[in-house]
Amino acid sequence: MARTAAGRRPAAKPRRRSAADRRRQVVAAARRIVLREGFEALTMRRVAALAGVSAAALYLYFPDRLSLMAAVADDLFEGLLAAMRAAVARAEGDPDPRARLHAVMTAYLDWGLTHPDEYRVIFMTPITGVAGHQPGEPGVPAAPTGQATFAALQAEVARLIALGVFRPAEPQVVAEAIWAAGHGLVSLLITKPGFPWSPRDRLIGTLADALCRGFSAG
């Protein structure tokens, strides 16, 4: 290998980032803006500056602001989905057939309370232009990971109905009712911290128990 006049090897050229790395860099920058200031503060120019890329380069990865918003929402949901899947895995083998649903519900509640900023953004903030957030507005496709989190809950409900553990009902309706109850607890604890709440673990466990038993067949 060639050496410099001083006998040292020339400095290695920095490795060029892959397109996937740059896309992750852009999403991470957008996520920081959203968590600090909300989706309304998200602009392509601000994201490009924070990510250290040109505006032209940014549009190679995201053709418009809405597609970038959808990518951020998808990224925010990933932590919740991972927590729910890990909870199901830990509950495998439990003799109580309701254990997996109980684990999914507990994971959702616990994640929301330990990630209040993320929870506010994806569950408590209207996101103009993203499908599912504004009635009658098609927007861009909803976050796949967001859809997967609800699908995980609905799958556990459907399994219990099929086993006869839960009384006959539409799995989607039951899953929506469980989600609504869980969301109510998380949003209250986030927005009303001054209320003299019972210990968090007891609240989470009590709600999960009540919902699991409330839909039971017998």
N, C-alpha and C. Protein backbone atom coordinates (compact mmCIF):
# COMPACT_ATOMS: atom_id res chain seq x y z
N MET A 1 0.85 -1.19 0.00
CA MET A 1 0.00 0.00 0.00
C MET A 1 0.88 1.24 0.00
N ALA A 2 0.47 2.26 -0.76
CA ALA A 2 1.27 3.48 -0.85
C ALA A 2 1.32 4.18 0.49
N ARG A 3 2.47 4.84 0.76
CA ARG A 3 2.64 5.59 1.99
C ARG A 3 2.90 7.05 1.68
N THR A 4 2.67 7.92 2.63
CA THR A 4 2.96 9.34 2.47
C THR A 4 4.44 9.56 2.62
N ALA A 5 4.86 10.82 2.38
CA ALA A 5 6.29 11.14 2.50
C ALA A 5 6.79 10.88 3.90
N ALA A 6 5.94 11.01 4.89
CA ALA A 6 6.36 10.78 6.28
C ALA A 6 6.33 9.31 6.64
N GLY A 7 5.97 8.46 5.68
CA GLY A 7 5.96 7.03 5.95
C GLY A 7 4.65 6.51 6.51
N ARG A 8 3.66 7.38 6.62
CA ARG A 8 2.38 6.93 7.17
C ARG A 8 1.43 6.57 6.04
N ARG A 9 0.55 5.60 6.31
CA ARG A 9 -0.48 5.25 5.34
C ARG A 9 -1.47 6.41 5.25
N PRO A 10 -1.99 6.68 4.06
CA PRO A 10 -3.00 7.73 3.93
C PRO A 10 -4.26 7.34 4.69
N ALA A 11 -4.95 8.34 5.21
CA ALA A 11 -6.18 8.08 5.96
C ALA A 11 -7.19 7.38 5.08
N ALA A 12 -7.87 6.40 5.67
CA ALA A 12 -8.89 5.66 4.92
C ALA A 12 -10.06 6.58 4.60
N LYS A 13 -10.62 6.41 3.44
CA LYS A 13 -11.78 7.21 3.07
C LYS A 13 -12.98 6.77 3.90
N PRO A 14 -13.77 7.73 4.36
CA PRO A 14 -14.95 7.35 5.15
C PRO A 14 -15.91 6.50 4.32
N ARG A 15 -16.47 5.48 4.97
CA ARG A 15 -17.41 4.60 4.28
C ARG A 15 -18.69 5.34 3.95
N ARG A 16 -19.13 5.21 2.73
CA ARG A 16 -20.36 5.87 2.32
C ARG A 16 -21.56 5.17 2.94
N ARG A 17 -22.50 5.96 3.41
CA ARG A 17 -23.71 5.39 3.99
C ARG A 17 -24.58 4.77 2.90
N SER A 18 -25.20 3.66 3.25
CA SER A 18 -26.12 3.03 2.31
C SER A 18 -27.42 3.83 2.28
N ALA A 19 -28.23 3.56 1.26
CA ALA A 19 -29.52 4.24 1.17
C ALA A 19 -30.39 3.92 2.38
N ALA A 20 -30.31 2.67 2.87
CA ALA A 20 -31.10 2.29 4.04
C ALA A 20 -30.65 3.05 5.28
N ASP A 21 -29.32 3.23 5.42
CA ASP A 21 -28.79 3.99 6.56
C ASP A 21 -29.26 5.44 6.51
N ARG A 22 -29.21 6.02 5.33
CA ARG A 22 -29.64 7.42 5.19
C ARG A 22 -31.13 7.56 5.47
N ARG A 23 -31.90 6.60 5.03
CA ARG A 23 -33.34 6.66 5.30
C ARG A 23 -33.61 6.60 6.80
N ARG A 24 -32.91 5.69 7.50
CA ARG A 24 -33.07 5.60 8.95
C ARG A 24 -32.64 6.89 9.63
N GLN A 25 -31.59 7.52 9.11
CA GLN A 25 -31.11 8.79 9.64
C GLN A 25 -32.18 9.87 9.50
N VAL A 26 -32.83 9.89 8.37
CA VAL A 26 -33.89 10.88 8.12
C VAL A 26 -35.08 10.64 9.05
N VAL A 27 -35.50 9.38 9.18
CA VAL A 27 -36.64 9.06 10.05
C VAL A 27 -36.32 9.40 11.50
N ALA A 28 -35.08 9.13 11.93
CA ALA A 28 -34.68 9.44 13.30
C ALA A 28 -34.75 10.95 13.55
N ALA A 29 -34.32 11.74 12.58
CA ALA A 29 -34.38 13.19 12.72
C ALA A 29 -35.83 13.66 12.79
N ALA A 30 -36.66 13.11 11.93
CA ALA A 30 -38.08 13.49 11.93
C ALA A 30 -38.74 13.08 13.25
N ARG A 31 -38.36 11.93 13.75
CA ARG A 31 -38.92 11.46 15.03
C ARG A 31 -38.58 12.43 16.16
N ARG A 32 -37.35 12.92 16.19
CA ARG A 32 -36.96 13.86 17.24
C ARG A 32 -37.81 15.12 17.20
N ILE A 33 -38.07 15.62 16.01
CA ILE A 33 -38.91 16.81 15.88
C ILE A 33 -40.32 16.53 16.36
N VAL A 34 -40.87 15.41 15.94
CA VAL A 34 -42.25 15.06 16.28
C VAL A 34 -42.42 14.88 17.79
N LEU A 35 -41.49 14.20 18.44
CA LEU A 35 -41.61 13.97 19.87
C LEU A 35 -41.48 15.27 20.67
N ARG A 36 -40.71 16.22 20.15
CA ARG A 36 -40.54 17.50 20.85
C ARG A 36 -41.70 18.45 20.58
N GLU A 37 -42.17 18.48 19.32
CA GLU A 37 -43.09 19.55 18.92
C GLU A 37 -44.36 19.07 18.24
N GLY A 38 -44.48 17.78 17.97
CA GLY A 38 -45.67 17.26 17.31
C GLY A 38 -45.53 17.24 15.79
N PHE A 39 -46.47 16.54 15.15
CA PHE A 39 -46.42 16.40 13.69
C PHE A 39 -46.60 17.73 12.97
N GLU A 40 -47.30 18.67 13.58
CA GLU A 40 -47.53 19.95 12.92
C GLU A 40 -46.22 20.70 12.66
N ALA A 41 -45.20 20.42 13.48
CA ALA A 41 -43.91 21.12 13.33
C ALA A 41 -43.01 20.47 12.29
N LEU A 42 -43.44 19.35 11.73
CA LEU A 42 -42.60 18.60 10.81
C LEU A 42 -42.62 19.23 9.42
N THR A 43 -41.45 19.66 8.95
CA THR A 43 -41.31 20.16 7.58
C THR A 43 -40.13 19.46 6.94
N MET A 44 -40.18 19.34 5.64
CA MET A 44 -39.10 18.66 4.92
C MET A 44 -37.78 19.42 5.11
N ARG A 45 -37.84 20.74 5.11
CA ARG A 45 -36.63 21.54 5.26
C ARG A 45 -35.98 21.31 6.63
N ARG A 46 -36.78 21.30 7.68
CA ARG A 46 -36.24 21.09 9.03
C ARG A 46 -35.63 19.70 9.17
N VAL A 47 -36.31 18.71 8.63
CA VAL A 47 -35.79 17.34 8.73
C VAL A 47 -34.47 17.22 7.98
N ALA A 48 -34.40 17.79 6.79
CA ALA A 48 -33.16 17.71 6.01
C ALA A 48 -32.00 18.35 6.77
N ALA A 49 -32.26 19.51 7.39
CA ALA A 49 -31.20 20.19 8.13
C ALA A 49 -30.75 19.37 9.33
N LEU A 50 -31.70 18.80 10.07
CA LEU A 50 -31.35 18.03 11.26
C LEU A 50 -30.66 16.72 10.90
N ALA A 51 -31.07 16.12 9.79
CA ALA A 51 -30.47 14.85 9.37
C ALA A 51 -29.14 15.04 8.66
N GLY A 52 -28.83 16.28 8.28
CA GLY A 52 -27.57 16.54 7.59
C GLY A 52 -27.56 16.09 6.14
N VAL A 53 -28.73 16.18 5.49
CA VAL A 53 -28.81 15.83 4.08
C VAL A 53 -29.41 17.01 3.33
N SER A 54 -29.23 17.03 2.03
CA SER A 54 -29.81 18.10 1.23
C SER A 54 -31.30 17.84 1.05
N ALA A 55 -32.04 18.90 0.75
CA ALA A 55 -33.47 18.75 0.51
C ALA A 55 -33.71 17.82 -0.67
N ALA A 56 -32.86 17.92 -1.69
CA ALA A 56 -33.02 17.07 -2.86
C ALA A 56 -32.83 15.60 -2.49
N ALA A 57 -31.85 15.32 -1.62
CA ALA A 57 -31.61 13.94 -1.20
C ALA A 57 -32.78 13.41 -0.38
N LEU A 58 -33.37 14.28 0.44
CA LEU A 58 -34.50 13.86 1.27
C LEU A 58 -35.65 13.36 0.41
N TYR A 59 -35.90 14.04 -0.69
CA TYR A 59 -37.01 13.66 -1.56
C TYR A 59 -36.75 12.35 -2.30
N LEU A 60 -35.52 11.87 -2.29
CA LEU A 60 -35.25 10.56 -2.87
C LEU A 60 -35.85 9.45 -2.01
N TYR A 61 -35.95 9.71 -0.70
CA TYR A 61 -36.46 8.70 0.23
C TYR A 61 -37.94 8.89 0.54
N PHE A 62 -38.38 10.14 0.55
CA PHE A 62 -39.77 10.44 0.86
C PHE A 62 -40.28 11.50 -0.12
N PRO A 63 -41.22 11.14 -0.97
CA PRO A 63 -41.67 12.07 -2.01
C PRO A 63 -42.41 13.28 -1.48
N ASP A 64 -42.96 13.18 -0.26
CA ASP A 64 -43.69 14.31 0.30
C ASP A 64 -43.75 14.19 1.82
N ARG A 65 -44.29 15.20 2.44
CA ARG A 65 -44.36 15.26 3.90
C ARG A 65 -45.23 14.14 4.48
N LEU A 66 -46.32 13.80 3.80
CA LEU A 66 -47.22 12.78 4.32
C LEU A 66 -46.55 11.41 4.38
N SER A 67 -45.75 11.09 3.38
CA SER A 67 -45.07 9.79 3.40
C SER A 67 -44.04 9.75 4.52
N LEU A 68 -43.41 10.89 4.82
CA LEU A 68 -42.47 10.95 5.93
C LEU A 68 -43.21 10.82 7.26
N MET A 69 -44.36 11.46 7.38
CA MET A 69 -45.17 11.34 8.59
C MET A 69 -45.56 9.89 8.84
N ALA A 70 -45.95 9.20 7.78
CA ALA A 70 -46.34 7.79 7.93
C ALA A 70 -45.16 6.94 8.38
N ALA A 71 -43.97 7.25 7.87
CA ALA A 71 -42.77 6.50 8.26
C ALA A 71 -42.44 6.73 9.73
N VAL A 72 -42.62 7.96 10.20
CA VAL A 72 -42.37 8.26 11.61
C VAL A 72 -43.37 7.52 12.49
N ALA A 73 -44.64 7.55 12.11
CA ALA A 73 -45.66 6.84 12.88
C ALA A 73 -45.33 5.35 12.95
N ASP A 74 -44.91 4.79 11.82
CA ASP A 74 -44.53 3.38 11.78
C ASP A 74 -43.37 3.11 12.73
N ASP A 75 -42.40 4.00 12.73
CA ASP A 75 -41.23 3.85 13.60
C ASP A 75 -41.63 3.92 15.08
N LEU A 76 -42.55 4.82 15.41
CA LEU A 76 -42.98 4.97 16.80
C LEU A 76 -43.71 3.73 17.30
N PHE A 77 -44.44 3.07 16.42
CA PHE A 77 -45.20 1.88 16.82
C PHE A 77 -44.30 0.66 17.03
N GLU A 78 -43.09 0.68 16.48
CA GLU A 78 -42.25 -0.52 16.53
C GLU A 78 -41.95 -0.97 17.96
N GLY A 79 -41.70 -0.01 18.85
CA GLY A 79 -41.41 -0.37 20.23
C GLY A 79 -42.58 -1.04 20.91
N LEU A 80 -43.79 -0.53 20.66
CA LEU A 80 -44.99 -1.13 21.24
C LEU A 80 -45.21 -2.53 20.70
N LEU A 81 -45.07 -2.70 19.40
CA LEU A 81 -45.29 -4.02 18.80
C LEU A 81 -44.28 -5.03 19.35
N ALA A 82 -43.03 -4.61 19.49
CA ALA A 82 -42.01 -5.52 20.02
C ALA A 82 -42.34 -5.92 21.46
N ALA A 83 -42.82 -4.97 22.26
CA ALA A 83 -43.18 -5.27 23.64
C ALA A 83 -44.34 -6.26 23.71
N MET A 84 -45.32 -6.10 22.84
CA MET A 84 -46.46 -7.00 22.84
C MET A 84 -46.06 -8.41 22.40
N ARG A 85 -45.22 -8.49 21.37
CA ARG A 85 -44.78 -9.81 20.90
C ARG A 85 -43.93 -10.52 21.95
N ALA A 86 -43.08 -9.76 22.64
CA ALA A 86 -42.26 -10.37 23.69
C ALA A 86 -43.14 -10.87 24.83
N ALA A 87 -44.20 -10.13 25.13
CA ALA A 87 -45.11 -10.54 26.21
C ALA A 87 -45.81 -11.85 25.86
N VAL A 88 -46.24 -11.99 24.60
CA VAL A 88 -46.88 -13.23 24.17
C VAL A 88 -45.91 -14.40 24.29
N ALA A 89 -44.66 -14.18 23.89
CA ALA A 89 -43.66 -15.24 23.96
C ALA A 89 -43.44 -15.70 25.40
N ARG A 90 -43.42 -14.75 26.33
CA ARG A 90 -43.21 -15.11 27.74
C ARG A 90 -44.40 -15.88 28.31
N ALA A 91 -45.58 -15.62 27.77
CA ALA A 91 -46.78 -16.28 28.29
C ALA A 91 -47.02 -17.67 27.70
N GLU A 92 -46.24 -18.04 26.69
CA GLU A 92 -46.40 -19.36 26.08
C GLU A 92 -46.20 -20.45 27.14
N GLY A 93 -47.05 -21.44 27.11
CA GLY A 93 -46.93 -22.54 28.05
C GLY A 93 -47.71 -22.34 29.34
N ASP A 94 -48.24 -21.14 29.56
CA ASP A 94 -49.05 -20.91 30.76
C ASP A 94 -50.35 -21.72 30.64
N PRO A 95 -50.74 -22.44 31.69
CA PRO A 95 -51.95 -23.27 31.59
C PRO A 95 -53.24 -22.46 31.44
N ASP A 96 -53.24 -21.21 31.84
CA ASP A 96 -54.43 -20.38 31.69
C ASP A 96 -54.50 -19.88 30.25
N PRO A 97 -55.54 -20.25 29.50
CA PRO A 97 -55.61 -19.83 28.09
C PRO A 97 -55.71 -18.32 27.91
N ARG A 98 -56.07 -17.61 28.98
CA ARG A 98 -56.18 -16.16 28.90
C ARG A 98 -54.85 -15.45 29.16
N ALA A 99 -53.82 -16.22 29.48
CA ALA A 99 -52.55 -15.61 29.88
C ALA A 99 -51.94 -14.77 28.77
N ARG A 100 -52.04 -15.23 27.53
CA ARG A 100 -51.43 -14.48 26.43
C ARG A 100 -52.14 -13.15 26.21
N LEU A 101 -53.47 -13.15 26.28
CA LEU A 101 -54.20 -11.89 26.13
C LEU A 101 -53.88 -10.96 27.30
N HIS A 102 -53.83 -11.51 28.48
CA HIS A 102 -53.48 -10.71 29.66
C HIS A 102 -52.10 -10.08 29.47
N ALA A 103 -51.17 -10.85 28.92
CA ALA A 103 -49.81 -10.35 28.69
C ALA A 103 -49.79 -9.24 27.65
N VAL A 104 -50.57 -9.40 26.57
CA VAL A 104 -50.64 -8.37 25.54
C VAL A 104 -51.19 -7.07 26.11
N MET A 105 -52.26 -7.18 26.89
CA MET A 105 -52.88 -6.00 27.47
C MET A 105 -51.93 -5.31 28.44
N THR A 106 -51.27 -6.10 29.28
CA THR A 106 -50.34 -5.53 30.25
C THR A 106 -49.17 -4.85 29.54
N ALA A 107 -48.68 -5.46 28.46
CA ALA A 107 -47.56 -4.87 27.71
C ALA A 107 -47.97 -3.53 27.10
N TYR A 108 -49.18 -3.47 26.57
CA TYR A 108 -49.68 -2.21 25.98
C TYR A 108 -49.74 -1.12 27.04
N LEU A 109 -50.34 -1.44 28.17
CA LEU A 109 -50.49 -0.45 29.24
C LEU A 109 -49.13 0.00 29.78
N ASP A 110 -48.26 -0.96 30.01
CA ASP A 110 -46.95 -0.63 30.57
C ASP A 110 -46.12 0.19 29.59
N TRP A 111 -46.17 -0.17 28.30
CA TRP A 111 -45.40 0.58 27.30
C TRP A 111 -45.90 2.02 27.22
N GLY A 112 -47.21 2.20 27.21
CA GLY A 112 -47.75 3.55 27.12
C GLY A 112 -47.32 4.43 28.28
N LEU A 113 -47.26 3.84 29.47
CA LEU A 113 -46.93 4.62 30.66
C LEU A 113 -45.42 4.86 30.79
N THR A 114 -44.62 4.00 30.20
CA THR A 114 -43.17 4.21 30.25
C THR A 114 -42.66 4.99 29.04
N HIS A 115 -43.53 5.20 28.04
CA HIS A 115 -43.18 5.99 26.85
C HIS A 115 -44.28 7.02 26.60
N PRO A 116 -44.50 7.92 27.55
CA PRO A 116 -45.64 8.85 27.41
C PRO A 116 -45.55 9.77 26.21
N ASP A 117 -44.35 10.20 25.83
CA ASP A 117 -44.23 11.10 24.68
C ASP A 117 -44.64 10.38 23.40
N GLU A 118 -44.13 9.16 23.22
CA GLU A 118 -44.50 8.38 22.04
C GLU A 118 -45.99 8.07 22.05
N TYR A 119 -46.52 7.75 23.22
CA TYR A 119 -47.94 7.40 23.31
C TYR A 119 -48.82 8.60 22.95
N ARG A 120 -48.45 9.77 23.44
CA ARG A 120 -49.23 10.97 23.11
C ARG A 120 -49.29 11.18 21.60
N VAL A 121 -48.15 11.00 20.95
CA VAL A 121 -48.08 11.28 19.51
C VAL A 121 -48.94 10.30 18.71
N ILE A 122 -48.83 9.01 19.01
CA ILE A 122 -49.50 8.03 18.15
C ILE A 122 -50.93 7.72 18.56
N PHE A 123 -51.31 8.05 19.81
CA PHE A 123 -52.67 7.71 20.25
C PHE A 123 -53.50 8.89 20.74
N MET A 124 -52.87 10.04 20.99
CA MET A 124 -53.61 11.14 21.60
C MET A 124 -53.52 12.43 20.80
N THR A 125 -52.95 12.37 19.60
CA THR A 125 -52.77 13.56 18.78
C THR A 125 -53.36 13.34 17.39
N PRO A 126 -54.33 14.15 16.96
CA PRO A 126 -54.82 14.03 15.58
C PRO A 126 -53.69 14.32 14.60
N ILE A 127 -53.55 13.48 13.58
CA ILE A 127 -52.48 13.65 12.61
C ILE A 127 -53.12 13.92 11.25
N THR A 128 -53.22 15.17 10.89
CA THR A 128 -53.86 15.55 9.64
C THR A 128 -53.15 14.92 8.45
N GLY A 129 -53.92 14.25 7.61
CA GLY A 129 -53.36 13.70 6.38
C GLY A 129 -52.95 12.25 6.45
N VAL A 130 -52.94 11.66 7.65
CA VAL A 130 -52.59 10.25 7.77
C VAL A 130 -53.88 9.45 7.94
N ALA A 131 -54.05 8.44 7.11
CA ALA A 131 -55.29 7.68 7.09
C ALA A 131 -55.64 7.17 8.48
N GLY A 132 -56.92 7.27 8.83
CA GLY A 132 -57.38 6.78 10.11
C GLY A 132 -57.39 7.83 11.20
N HIS A 133 -56.87 9.02 10.93
CA HIS A 133 -56.81 10.06 11.95
C HIS A 133 -57.82 11.18 11.70
N GLN A 134 -58.26 11.36 10.48
CA GLN A 134 -59.25 12.38 10.18
C GLN A 134 -60.38 11.75 9.38
N PRO A 135 -61.63 11.82 9.87
CA PRO A 135 -62.75 11.20 9.15
C PRO A 135 -62.87 11.70 7.72
N GLY A 136 -63.03 10.76 6.80
CA GLY A 136 -63.26 11.12 5.41
C GLY A 136 -62.03 11.57 4.66
N GLU A 137 -60.88 11.56 5.29
CA GLU A 137 -59.65 12.01 4.63
C GLU A 137 -58.77 10.80 4.34
N PRO A 138 -58.55 10.46 3.06
CA PRO A 138 -57.80 9.24 2.75
C PRO A 138 -56.37 9.29 3.22
N GLY A 139 -55.69 10.42 3.02
CA GLY A 139 -54.31 10.55 3.47
C GLY A 139 -53.41 9.47 2.88
N VAL A 140 -52.38 9.10 3.63
CA VAL A 140 -51.46 8.04 3.21
C VAL A 140 -51.78 6.80 4.02
N PRO A 141 -51.30 5.63 3.60
CA PRO A 141 -51.62 4.41 4.34
C PRO A 141 -51.21 4.49 5.80
N ALA A 142 -52.04 3.93 6.68
CA ALA A 142 -51.73 3.91 8.10
C ALA A 142 -50.47 3.08 8.34
N ALA A 143 -49.82 3.33 9.49
CA ALA A 143 -48.57 2.65 9.80
C ALA A 143 -48.78 1.14 9.87
N PRO A 144 -48.00 0.35 9.10
CA PRO A 144 -48.14 -1.11 9.17
C PRO A 144 -47.94 -1.66 10.57
N THR A 145 -46.99 -1.10 11.32
CA THR A 145 -46.78 -1.60 12.68
C THR A 145 -47.94 -1.23 13.58
N GLY A 146 -48.58 -0.10 13.31
CA GLY A 146 -49.77 0.26 14.07
C GLY A 146 -50.90 -0.73 13.83
N GLN A 147 -51.08 -1.10 12.57
CA GLN A 147 -52.09 -2.10 12.24
C GLN A 147 -51.75 -3.45 12.87
N ALA A 148 -50.46 -3.76 12.92
CA ALA A 148 -50.03 -5.05 13.48
C ALA A 148 -50.27 -5.12 14.99
N THR A 149 -50.17 -3.98 15.69
CA THR A 149 -50.41 -4.00 17.13
C THR A 149 -51.87 -4.35 17.42
N PHE A 150 -52.78 -3.76 16.66
CA PHE A 150 -54.19 -4.10 16.87
C PHE A 150 -54.47 -5.53 16.43
N ALA A 151 -53.83 -5.96 15.34
CA ALA A 151 -54.03 -7.33 14.87
C ALA A 151 -53.58 -8.34 15.92
N ALA A 152 -52.51 -8.02 16.65
CA ALA A 152 -52.03 -8.93 17.70
C ALA A 152 -53.07 -9.07 18.81
N LEU A 153 -53.68 -7.96 19.18
CA LEU A 153 -54.73 -8.00 20.20
C LEU A 153 -55.94 -8.77 19.70
N GLN A 154 -56.36 -8.47 18.48
CA GLN A 154 -57.54 -9.13 17.93
C GLN A 154 -57.33 -10.63 17.77
N ALA A 155 -56.12 -11.03 17.41
CA ALA A 155 -55.83 -12.46 17.24
C ALA A 155 -55.99 -13.22 18.55
N GLU A 156 -55.55 -12.61 19.65
CA GLU A 156 -55.69 -13.28 20.94
C GLU A 156 -57.16 -13.37 21.35
N VAL A 157 -57.92 -12.32 21.07
CA VAL A 157 -59.36 -12.36 21.36
C VAL A 157 -60.04 -13.45 20.54
N ALA A 158 -59.73 -13.50 19.24
CA ALA A 158 -60.34 -14.51 18.37
C ALA A 158 -60.00 -15.92 18.83
N ARG A 159 -58.78 -16.12 19.29
CA ARG A 159 -58.37 -17.45 19.77
C ARG A 159 -59.20 -17.87 20.98
N LEU A 160 -59.44 -16.94 21.90
CA LEU A 160 -60.20 -17.27 23.10
C LEU A 160 -61.67 -17.52 22.79
N ILE A 161 -62.21 -16.80 21.82
CA ILE A 161 -63.59 -17.05 21.40
C ILE A 161 -63.69 -18.42 20.75
N ALA A 162 -62.73 -18.76 19.90
CA ALA A 162 -62.74 -20.06 19.22
C ALA A 162 -62.60 -21.21 20.22
N LEU A 163 -61.85 -20.99 21.30
CA LEU A 163 -61.66 -22.03 22.31
C LEU A 163 -62.87 -22.15 23.24
N GLY A 164 -63.79 -21.20 23.17
CA GLY A 164 -64.94 -21.21 24.06
C GLY A 164 -64.65 -20.58 25.41
N VAL A 165 -63.45 -20.01 25.57
CA VAL A 165 -63.10 -19.35 26.83
C VAL A 165 -63.86 -18.03 26.95
N PHE A 166 -63.96 -17.30 25.83
CA PHE A 166 -64.77 -16.09 25.78
C PHE A 166 -66.12 -16.44 25.17
N ARG A 167 -67.15 -15.74 25.58
CA ARG A 167 -68.47 -15.98 25.00
C ARG A 167 -68.49 -15.54 23.54
N PRO A 168 -69.37 -16.10 22.72
CA PRO A 168 -69.41 -15.76 21.29
C PRO A 168 -69.59 -14.26 21.07
N ALA A 169 -68.78 -13.71 20.20
CA ALA A 169 -68.84 -12.29 19.88
C ALA A 169 -67.96 -12.04 18.67
N GLU A 170 -68.05 -10.84 18.12
CA GLU A 170 -67.17 -10.47 17.01
C GLU A 170 -65.81 -10.10 17.59
N PRO A 171 -64.74 -10.79 17.18
CA PRO A 171 -63.42 -10.50 17.74
C PRO A 171 -63.01 -9.04 17.61
N GLN A 172 -63.34 -8.42 16.48
CA GLN A 172 -62.93 -7.03 16.29
C GLN A 172 -63.60 -6.12 17.30
N VAL A 173 -64.89 -6.34 17.54
CA VAL A 173 -65.63 -5.49 18.48
C VAL A 173 -65.06 -5.65 19.89
N VAL A 174 -64.81 -6.89 20.30
CA VAL A 174 -64.26 -7.14 21.63
C VAL A 174 -62.87 -6.51 21.75
N ALA A 175 -62.05 -6.69 20.71
CA ALA A 175 -60.70 -6.12 20.74
C ALA A 175 -60.75 -4.60 20.83
N GLU A 176 -61.67 -3.98 20.10
CA GLU A 176 -61.81 -2.53 20.16
C GLU A 176 -62.24 -2.06 21.55
N ALA A 177 -63.14 -2.82 22.19
CA ALA A 177 -63.59 -2.47 23.53
C ALA A 177 -62.44 -2.57 24.53
N ILE A 178 -61.63 -3.62 24.40
CA ILE A 178 -60.48 -3.79 25.30
C ILE A 178 -59.47 -2.67 25.08
N TRP A 179 -59.22 -2.35 23.82
CA TRP A 179 -58.28 -1.27 23.50
C TRP A 179 -58.77 0.05 24.08
N ALA A 180 -60.07 0.33 23.91
CA ALA A 180 -60.62 1.59 24.42
C ALA A 180 -60.46 1.70 25.93
N ALA A 181 -60.70 0.59 26.63
CA ALA A 181 -60.55 0.61 28.09
C ALA A 181 -59.09 0.83 28.48
N GLY A 182 -58.18 0.14 27.80
CA GLY A 182 -56.76 0.31 28.10
C GLY A 182 -56.29 1.72 27.80
N HIS A 183 -56.73 2.24 26.67
CA HIS A 183 -56.34 3.61 26.30
C HIS A 183 -56.85 4.61 27.34
N GLY A 184 -58.04 4.37 27.85
CA GLY A 184 -58.57 5.28 28.86
C GLY A 184 -57.69 5.35 30.09
N LEU A 185 -57.21 4.19 30.54
CA LEU A 185 -56.34 4.18 31.72
C LEU A 185 -55.02 4.88 31.43
N VAL A 186 -54.40 4.56 30.31
CA VAL A 186 -53.10 5.16 29.99
C VAL A 186 -53.23 6.68 29.85
N SER A 187 -54.22 7.13 29.11
CA SER A 187 -54.36 8.57 28.88
C SER A 187 -54.67 9.31 30.17
N LEU A 188 -55.46 8.71 31.06
CA LEU A 188 -55.74 9.36 32.34
C LEU A 188 -54.47 9.48 33.19
N LEU A 189 -53.70 8.42 33.25
CA LEU A 189 -52.48 8.47 34.06
C LEU A 189 -51.46 9.46 33.49
N ILE A 190 -51.45 9.60 32.16
CA ILE A 190 -50.52 10.55 31.54
C ILE A 190 -50.97 11.99 31.76
N THR A 191 -52.26 12.24 31.60
CA THR A 191 -52.75 13.62 31.63
C THR A 191 -53.17 14.11 33.01
N LYS A 192 -53.37 13.18 33.96
CA LYS A 192 -53.79 13.57 35.31
C LYS A 192 -52.81 13.03 36.35
N PRO A 193 -51.55 13.42 36.27
CA PRO A 193 -50.56 12.87 37.21
C PRO A 193 -50.78 13.33 38.65
N GLY A 194 -51.53 14.41 38.85
CA GLY A 194 -51.74 14.92 40.19
C GLY A 194 -52.79 14.18 40.99
N PHE A 195 -53.57 13.32 40.32
CA PHE A 195 -54.59 12.56 41.04
C PHE A 195 -53.92 11.50 41.91
N PRO A 196 -54.44 11.24 43.10
CA PRO A 196 -53.81 10.24 43.98
C PRO A 196 -54.12 8.81 43.53
N TRP A 197 -53.53 8.42 42.42
CA TRP A 197 -53.78 7.09 41.86
C TRP A 197 -53.24 5.98 42.77
N SER A 198 -53.86 4.82 42.66
CA SER A 198 -53.32 3.62 43.30
C SER A 198 -52.02 3.26 42.59
N PRO A 199 -51.20 2.38 43.17
CA PRO A 199 -49.96 1.99 42.51
C PRO A 199 -50.21 1.51 41.08
N ARG A 200 -49.34 1.93 40.18
CA ARG A 200 -49.52 1.66 38.76
C ARG A 200 -49.68 0.17 38.46
N ASP A 201 -48.82 -0.66 39.04
CA ASP A 201 -48.88 -2.10 38.76
C ASP A 201 -50.23 -2.69 39.15
N ARG A 202 -50.79 -2.21 40.26
CA ARG A 202 -52.09 -2.72 40.69
C ARG A 202 -53.19 -2.28 39.75
N LEU A 203 -53.11 -1.05 39.27
CA LEU A 203 -54.11 -0.56 38.32
C LEU A 203 -54.07 -1.37 37.02
N ILE A 204 -52.87 -1.57 36.51
CA ILE A 204 -52.72 -2.32 35.26
C ILE A 204 -53.24 -3.74 35.42
N GLY A 205 -52.82 -4.40 36.50
CA GLY A 205 -53.25 -5.78 36.72
C GLY A 205 -54.75 -5.90 36.93
N THR A 206 -55.32 -4.95 37.67
CA THR A 206 -56.76 -4.99 37.94
C THR A 206 -57.57 -4.81 36.67
N LEU A 207 -57.16 -3.86 35.82
CA LEU A 207 -57.89 -3.65 34.57
C LEU A 207 -57.76 -4.85 33.65
N ALA A 208 -56.56 -5.39 33.51
CA ALA A 208 -56.37 -6.55 32.65
C ALA A 208 -57.18 -7.74 33.14
N ASP A 209 -57.19 -7.97 34.46
CA ASP A 209 -57.98 -9.06 35.02
C ASP A 209 -59.47 -8.86 34.75
N ALA A 210 -59.95 -7.63 34.98
CA ALA A 210 -61.37 -7.35 34.82
C ALA A 210 -61.82 -7.56 33.37
N LEU A 211 -61.00 -7.13 32.42
CA LEU A 211 -61.38 -7.29 31.02
C LEU A 211 -61.35 -8.75 30.59
N CYS A 212 -60.32 -9.47 31.02
CA CYS A 212 -60.24 -10.89 30.67
C CYS A 212 -61.43 -11.67 31.23
N ARG A 213 -61.79 -11.38 32.48
CA ARG A 213 -62.89 -12.11 33.11
C ARG A 213 -64.25 -11.62 32.62
N GLY A 214 -64.31 -10.35 32.25
CA GLY A 214 -65.58 -9.79 31.83
C GLY A 214 -66.13 -10.39 30.55
N PHE A 215 -65.25 -10.86 29.67
CA PHE A 215 -65.69 -11.46 28.41
C PHE A 215 -65.72 -12.99 28.47
N SER A 216 -65.40 -13.55 29.63
CA SER A 216 -65.35 -15.01 29.75
C SER A 216 -66.73 -15.64 29.59
N ALA A 217 -66.72 -16.87 29.09
CA ALA A 217 -67.98 -17.56 28.81
C ALA A 217 -68.68 -18.00 30.08
N GLY A 218 -67.93 -18.28 31.12
CA GLY A 218 -68.57 -18.78 32.33
C GLY A 218 -67.99 -18.17 33.58
